Amino acid sequence: MSTATLESYAPFELITDADALGLATTTVSSPLGTCVAKHPARRASTRATLFLHGAAGSWTTWTPLLQAAAADRIDLGDVVVFDLPGWGAATLADTTVDDPVFAICSLVKDMAEELGYTEWDLVGHSLGGFIALHMASIWPQAVLSVGMVSGTTFSIINSVEHPVRHFRELPGFTMLWRVMQFLAALGPAGPALVRGIGAIGILRPATFPLFRHWRAVPRSQGRALAAEVRPRSFVTAASVTKGYDADAHWTRIECPVRATKGDRDVFVTQDDLNRLGRLLPSSVRTVIPDCGHFGAVERPRAVLQALGYSRA
């Protein structure tokens, strides 16, 4: 277990214009919904770094980290950043699918192959980390590495499966999940209520547990979070983990795995990292000091360091 070095807190605003980063846009569809990717207009390799956001996020979650990499001349290879179904510009279908975990993974795979990428370094935040681990377990020939930034693992799986029994593990997540279930039941009124809360300035302090220093979080992140707090999408994302046998799937992983969490992370526990280490002894686990759940926004340089990226 290691600890990353510190930098200034949340040094970059989110970028919402893909053109400013020289990225094109492609959309693929499935019964689950659509997947939208921002990617290089011209492919330089068959290998790419795929960035997968978490619940209440979108491709813009990663833009502070991309800016830090560019400023420090860190080569991330061909970068593909995703909007997963129900988030950002991607839609979530009204119908259900039998295996939502595999459906999401297949959409990411289809997108990567549509763009000509057959080898992938996966970097996932929160639920995106969960998806990355599952992809590594089922497609070892294509997944070359996994990097997790506050990745969803055992404690959230437990909380979704047995919310009362495991309430003490992640009370913040369980309470937020219950609120989202209530808002989702309201139908279109749920997102409208969230927007109203954001408009009167309550959303920012209400979501402060996700960040170590919520008053210092860039305004662009606050706006993005207000836009991406989508009750139905959040509830659907949480349900993806229900009944998931992490031990059975993740012991199949063959590629290198690096996992990070903030020392004030309310959605990932120290035991999550410890248990991942027992399951994958060769994995590298790093706790980032003075950081919450959104490490790519709060401490992008520390995250890059923890994931093994350095200047060329």
Protein backbone atom coordinates (compact mmCIF):
# COMPACT_ATOMS: atom_id res chain seq x y z
CA MET A 1 0.00 0.00 0.00
CA SER A 2 1.40 3.38 -0.96
CA THR A 3 0.52 7.06 -0.57
CA ALA A 4 0.66 9.57 -3.42
CA THR A 5 2.31 12.99 -3.18
CA LEU A 6 0.21 16.15 -2.93
CA GLU A 7 -0.43 18.98 -5.38
CA SER A 8 -2.71 22.00 -5.42
CA TYR A 9 -6.34 21.02 -4.91
CA ALA A 10 -8.66 20.79 -7.95
CA PRO A 11 -6.32 22.77 -10.22
CA PHE A 12 -8.37 22.52 -13.44
CA GLU A 13 -11.90 23.35 -14.52
CA LEU A 14 -13.86 20.73 -16.43
CA ILE A 15 -13.86 21.07 -20.21
CA THR A 16 -17.19 20.46 -21.92
CA ASP A 17 -16.13 21.17 -25.52
CA ALA A 18 -14.58 18.07 -27.10
CA ASP A 19 -13.30 20.17 -30.00
CA ALA A 20 -11.08 22.08 -27.58
CA LEU A 21 -9.30 18.79 -26.87
CA GLY A 22 -9.15 17.83 -30.54
CA LEU A 23 -11.62 14.97 -30.05
CA ALA A 24 -14.28 13.70 -32.42
CA THR A 25 -17.57 12.09 -31.37
CA THR A 26 -19.00 8.66 -32.20
CA THR A 27 -22.21 7.00 -30.97
CA VAL A 28 -23.15 3.31 -30.90
CA SER A 29 -26.52 1.83 -29.94
CA SER A 30 -27.77 -1.31 -28.22
CA PRO A 31 -30.95 -2.55 -26.48
CA LEU A 32 -29.57 -1.00 -23.27
CA GLY A 33 -29.27 2.45 -24.83
CA THR A 34 -26.50 4.42 -26.48
CA CYS A 35 -22.83 4.91 -25.75
CA VAL A 36 -21.06 8.09 -26.83
CA ALA A 37 -17.29 8.39 -27.14
CA LYS A 38 -14.91 11.31 -27.58
CA HIS A 39 -11.81 10.13 -29.39
CA PRO A 40 -8.96 11.18 -31.72
CA ALA A 41 -10.12 12.02 -35.21
CA ARG A 42 -7.32 9.82 -36.51
CA ARG A 43 -6.28 6.61 -34.84
CA ALA A 44 -2.53 6.35 -34.18
CA SER A 45 -2.54 2.77 -32.88
CA THR A 46 -4.75 -0.26 -32.29
CA ARG A 47 -4.17 0.30 -28.55
CA ALA A 48 -6.12 2.93 -26.65
CA THR A 49 -6.68 4.17 -23.11
CA LEU A 50 -10.41 3.95 -22.41
CA PHE A 51 -11.74 6.21 -19.64
CA LEU A 52 -14.99 5.07 -18.00
CA HIS A 53 -16.83 7.48 -15.69
CA GLY A 54 -18.97 6.57 -12.69
CA ALA A 55 -22.56 7.27 -11.70
CA ALA A 56 -23.43 10.98 -11.74
CA GLY A 57 -20.57 11.58 -14.17
CA SER A 58 -19.78 11.83 -17.86
CA TRP A 59 -16.75 12.08 -20.13
CA THR A 60 -16.01 15.55 -18.74
CA THR A 61 -15.11 14.00 -15.35
CA TRP A 62 -11.76 13.07 -16.86
CA THR A 63 -10.86 16.42 -18.40
CA PRO A 64 -8.89 17.75 -15.37
CA LEU A 65 -6.75 14.61 -15.51
CA LEU A 66 -6.28 14.98 -19.28
CA GLN A 67 -5.24 18.60 -18.76
CA ALA A 68 -2.75 17.59 -16.08
CA ALA A 69 -1.28 14.94 -18.38
CA ALA A 70 -0.94 17.43 -21.22
CA ALA A 71 0.66 20.06 -18.94
CA ASP A 72 3.17 17.53 -17.63
CA ARG A 73 3.81 16.00 -21.06
CA ILE A 74 2.54 12.59 -20.04
CA ASP A 75 1.69 10.36 -22.99
CA LEU A 76 -1.62 8.55 -22.47
CA GLY A 77 -1.65 7.13 -25.99
CA ASP A 78 -4.88 7.30 -27.96
CA VAL A 79 -7.49 8.50 -25.46
CA VAL A 80 -11.17 7.52 -25.65
CA VAL A 81 -13.53 9.01 -23.04
CA PHE A 82 -17.04 7.64 -22.74
CA ASP A 83 -20.56 8.67 -21.89
CA LEU A 84 -22.11 5.41 -20.67
CA PRO A 85 -25.86 4.72 -21.07
CA GLY A 86 -27.96 7.19 -19.10
CA TRP A 87 -25.21 9.77 -18.57
CA GLY A 88 -23.92 12.76 -20.49
CA ALA A 89 -25.16 12.59 -24.07
CA ALA A 90 -25.84 8.83 -23.90
CA THR A 91 -29.40 7.57 -23.54
CA LEU A 92 -30.78 4.80 -21.33
CA ALA A 93 -33.51 2.67 -22.89
CA ASP A 94 -36.82 2.11 -21.11
CA THR A 95 -36.50 -1.65 -21.55
CA THR A 96 -34.44 -3.91 -19.27
CA VAL A 97 -31.76 -6.42 -20.25
CA ASP A 98 -31.02 -9.80 -18.67
CA ASP A 99 -27.36 -9.11 -17.86
CA PRO A 100 -26.77 -5.33 -17.49
CA VAL A 101 -23.10 -5.75 -16.50
CA PHE A 102 -22.32 -7.64 -19.69
CA ALA A 103 -24.50 -5.26 -21.71
CA ILE A 104 -22.51 -2.22 -20.58
CA CYS A 105 -19.20 -4.00 -21.12
CA SER A 106 -20.30 -5.08 -24.59
CA LEU A 107 -21.22 -1.51 -25.51
CA VAL A 108 -17.74 -0.32 -24.48
CA LYS A 109 -16.19 -3.18 -26.47
CA ASP A 110 -18.33 -2.42 -29.51
CA MET A 111 -17.34 1.23 -29.37
CA ALA A 112 -13.63 0.45 -29.05
CA GLU A 113 -13.75 -1.96 -31.97
CA GLU A 114 -15.85 0.47 -34.03
CA LEU A 115 -13.00 2.96 -33.60
CA GLY A 116 -10.39 0.33 -34.58
CA TYR A 117 -8.97 -0.39 -31.11
CA THR A 118 -8.37 -4.04 -30.24
CA GLU A 119 -6.16 -3.57 -27.15
CA TRP A 120 -7.28 -1.49 -24.20
CA ASP A 121 -5.87 0.10 -21.09
CA LEU A 122 -8.95 0.72 -18.96
CA VAL A 123 -9.23 3.54 -16.43
CA GLY A 124 -12.47 3.65 -14.48
CA HIS A 125 -13.90 5.97 -11.84
CA SER A 126 -16.40 4.60 -9.30
CA LEU A 127 -18.79 2.32 -11.22
CA GLY A 128 -16.48 2.69 -14.22
CA GLY A 129 -13.82 0.86 -12.20
CA PHE A 130 -16.26 -1.99 -11.59
CA ILE A 131 -16.95 -2.19 -15.33
CA ALA A 132 -13.21 -2.15 -16.07
CA LEU A 133 -12.57 -5.08 -13.72
CA HIS A 134 -15.37 -7.12 -15.28
CA MET A 135 -14.08 -6.42 -18.79
CA ALA A 136 -10.61 -7.58 -17.71
CA SER A 137 -12.11 -10.80 -16.33
CA ILE A 138 -13.98 -11.73 -19.50
CA TRP A 139 -11.68 -10.38 -22.23
CA PRO A 140 -8.11 -10.92 -20.96
CA GLN A 141 -6.76 -10.99 -24.51
CA ALA A 142 -7.87 -7.39 -25.09
CA VAL A 143 -7.50 -5.68 -21.68
CA LEU A 144 -3.84 -4.88 -21.08
CA SER A 145 -4.22 -3.02 -17.78
CA VAL A 146 -6.80 -1.66 -15.36
CA GLY A 147 -6.59 1.58 -13.39
CA MET A 148 -9.25 2.32 -10.79
CA VAL A 149 -9.99 5.73 -9.31
CA SER A 150 -12.22 5.11 -6.29
CA GLY A 151 -13.55 2.05 -8.07
CA THR A 152 -16.77 0.38 -6.98
CA THR A 153 -15.96 -2.92 -5.30
CA PHE A 154 -16.98 -5.01 -2.30
CA SER A 155 -18.59 -2.52 0.07
CA ILE A 156 -21.03 -1.16 -2.51
CA ILE A 157 -21.81 -4.68 -3.72
CA ASN A 158 -22.59 -5.58 -0.09
CA SER A 159 -24.64 -2.40 0.46
CA VAL A 160 -26.81 -3.00 -2.59
CA GLU A 161 -27.31 -6.67 -1.74
CA HIS A 162 -28.05 -6.13 1.98
CA PRO A 163 -28.57 -2.39 2.66
CA VAL A 164 -29.66 -2.83 6.28
CA ARG A 165 -27.11 -5.45 7.30
CA HIS A 166 -24.22 -3.53 5.71
CA PHE A 167 -25.45 0.01 6.40
CA ARG A 168 -22.43 0.85 8.54
CA GLU A 169 -20.00 0.05 5.73
CA LEU A 170 -21.11 2.93 3.49
CA PRO A 171 -23.91 4.92 5.13
CA GLY A 172 -23.41 7.85 2.74
CA PHE A 173 -23.89 5.67 -0.32
CA THR A 174 -26.86 3.79 1.10
CA MET A 175 -28.69 6.99 2.04
CA LEU A 176 -27.97 8.59 -1.35
CA TRP A 177 -29.13 5.43 -3.12
CA ARG A 178 -32.39 5.45 -1.15
CA VAL A 179 -32.98 9.11 -2.00
CA MET A 180 -32.36 8.35 -5.67
CA GLN A 181 -34.80 5.45 -5.53
CA PHE A 182 -37.44 7.82 -4.17
CA LEU A 183 -36.71 10.46 -6.82
CA ALA A 184 -36.71 7.83 -9.58
CA ALA A 185 -40.18 6.73 -8.47
CA LEU A 186 -41.40 10.29 -9.11
CA GLY A 187 -40.71 9.91 -12.82
CA PRO A 188 -39.96 13.18 -14.69
CA ALA A 189 -40.56 15.14 -11.48
CA GLY A 190 -37.44 13.57 -9.91
CA PRO A 191 -34.84 15.20 -12.19
CA ALA A 192 -36.84 18.44 -12.08
CA LEU A 193 -36.61 18.43 -8.29
CA VAL A 194 -32.85 17.91 -8.48
CA ARG A 195 -32.53 20.83 -10.90
CA GLY A 196 -34.58 22.98 -8.54
CA ILE A 197 -32.32 22.10 -5.63
CA GLY A 198 -29.33 23.04 -7.75
CA ALA A 199 -30.90 26.32 -8.80
CA ILE A 200 -31.31 27.53 -5.22
CA GLY A 201 -27.76 26.59 -4.29
CA ILE A 202 -28.44 23.66 -1.97
CA LEU A 203 -26.99 20.90 -4.18
CA ARG A 204 -23.39 22.02 -3.78
CA PRO A 205 -23.18 21.66 0.03
CA ALA A 206 -25.51 18.64 -0.08
CA THR A 207 -22.98 16.75 -2.21
CA PHE A 208 -19.92 17.88 -0.21
CA PRO A 209 -19.17 14.39 1.19
CA LEU A 210 -18.05 13.39 -2.31
CA PHE A 211 -15.25 15.96 -2.17
CA ARG A 212 -12.63 16.69 0.46
CA HIS A 213 -12.95 20.48 0.09
CA TRP A 214 -16.34 21.14 -1.49
CA ARG A 215 -15.95 24.94 -1.34
CA ALA A 216 -12.81 24.66 -3.49
CA VAL A 217 -14.34 22.40 -6.14
CA PRO A 218 -14.46 24.15 -9.53
CA ARG A 219 -17.82 25.67 -10.43
CA SER A 220 -17.78 23.63 -13.64
CA GLN A 221 -17.76 20.45 -11.55
CA GLY A 222 -20.71 21.70 -9.52
CA ARG A 223 -22.66 22.41 -12.71
CA ALA A 224 -21.73 19.01 -14.13
CA LEU A 225 -22.82 17.21 -10.98
CA ALA A 226 -26.15 19.06 -10.99
CA ALA A 227 -26.69 17.97 -14.60
CA GLU A 228 -25.64 14.38 -14.00
CA VAL A 229 -27.60 13.64 -10.80
CA ARG A 230 -30.14 11.54 -12.69
CA PRO A 231 -32.20 9.39 -10.31
CA ARG A 232 -33.23 6.63 -12.72
CA SER A 233 -29.72 6.31 -14.15
CA PHE A 234 -28.21 6.22 -10.65
CA VAL A 235 -30.61 3.51 -9.47
CA THR A 236 -29.98 1.49 -12.62
CA ALA A 237 -26.23 1.82 -12.15
CA ALA A 238 -26.39 0.64 -8.54
CA SER A 239 -28.54 -2.35 -9.50
CA VAL A 240 -25.79 -3.52 -11.87
CA THR A 241 -23.79 -4.70 -8.85
CA LYS A 242 -26.64 -6.68 -7.22
CA GLY A 243 -25.75 -10.35 -6.84
CA TYR A 244 -22.34 -9.89 -8.46
CA ASP A 245 -19.77 -12.54 -7.43
CA ALA A 246 -16.61 -10.44 -7.38
CA ASP A 247 -14.36 -13.21 -6.10
CA ALA A 248 -15.36 -15.59 -8.89
CA HIS A 249 -14.94 -13.01 -11.65
CA TRP A 250 -11.94 -10.97 -10.55
CA THR A 251 -9.67 -13.91 -9.76
CA ARG A 252 -9.61 -14.50 -13.53
CA ILE A 253 -7.91 -11.15 -14.18
CA GLU A 254 -4.47 -11.54 -15.72
CA CYS A 255 -3.42 -7.94 -16.44
CA PRO A 256 -1.81 -5.42 -14.05
CA VAL A 257 -4.30 -3.62 -11.79
CA ARG A 258 -3.72 -0.32 -9.99
CA ALA A 259 -6.37 0.99 -7.58
CA THR A 260 -6.61 4.35 -5.82
CA LYS A 261 -8.95 5.94 -3.30
CA GLY A 262 -9.03 9.23 -1.46
CA ASP A 263 -8.28 9.17 2.25
CA ARG A 264 -11.68 10.88 2.77
CA ASP A 265 -13.53 8.73 0.23
CA VAL A 266 -17.10 8.08 1.39
CA PHE A 267 -17.82 5.43 -1.26
CA VAL A 268 -14.66 3.29 -1.00
CA THR A 269 -13.29 1.86 2.24
CA GLN A 270 -9.80 0.84 3.25
CA ASP A 271 -11.11 -2.70 3.52
CA ASP A 272 -12.09 -2.52 -0.16
CA LEU A 273 -8.45 -1.97 -1.08
CA ASN A 274 -7.24 -4.60 1.38
CA ARG A 275 -9.65 -7.21 0.07
CA LEU A 276 -8.74 -6.38 -3.53
CA GLY A 277 -5.10 -6.89 -2.54
CA ARG A 278 -5.86 -10.33 -1.13
CA LEU A 279 -7.77 -11.26 -4.29
CA LEU A 280 -5.16 -9.77 -6.65
CA PRO A 281 -1.84 -9.86 -4.74
CA SER A 282 0.11 -8.24 -7.58
CA SER A 283 -2.20 -5.21 -7.70
CA VAL A 284 -0.91 -1.81 -6.60
CA ARG A 285 -3.15 0.07 -4.18
CA THR A 286 -2.66 3.74 -3.35
CA VAL A 287 -4.40 6.06 -0.89
CA ILE A 288 -4.36 9.68 -2.05
CA PRO A 289 -4.18 12.11 0.89
CA ASP A 290 -6.52 15.07 1.34
CA CYS A 291 -8.88 13.72 -1.33
CA GLY A 292 -12.47 12.53 -1.60
CA HIS A 293 -14.24 10.37 -4.17
CA PHE A 294 -13.43 12.40 -7.31
CA GLY A 295 -9.65 12.02 -7.44
CA ALA A 296 -9.40 12.85 -11.15
CA VAL A 297 -10.87 16.28 -10.36
CA GLU A 298 -9.44 16.86 -6.88
CA ARG A 299 -5.91 15.44 -7.29
CA PRO A 300 -5.34 14.67 -10.99
CA ARG A 301 -1.55 14.58 -10.79
CA ALA A 302 -1.56 12.29 -7.77
CA VAL A 303 -3.97 10.01 -9.62
CA LEU A 304 -1.71 9.89 -12.67
CA GLN A 305 1.23 9.03 -10.46
CA ALA A 306 -0.74 6.32 -8.63
CA LEU A 307 -1.84 4.79 -11.95
CA GLY A 308 1.77 4.52 -13.05
CA TYR A 309 1.88 7.37 -15.58
CA SER A 310 4.94 9.57 -15.74
CA ARG A 311 6.60 12.01 -18.10
CA ALA A 312 7.97 10.45 -21.27
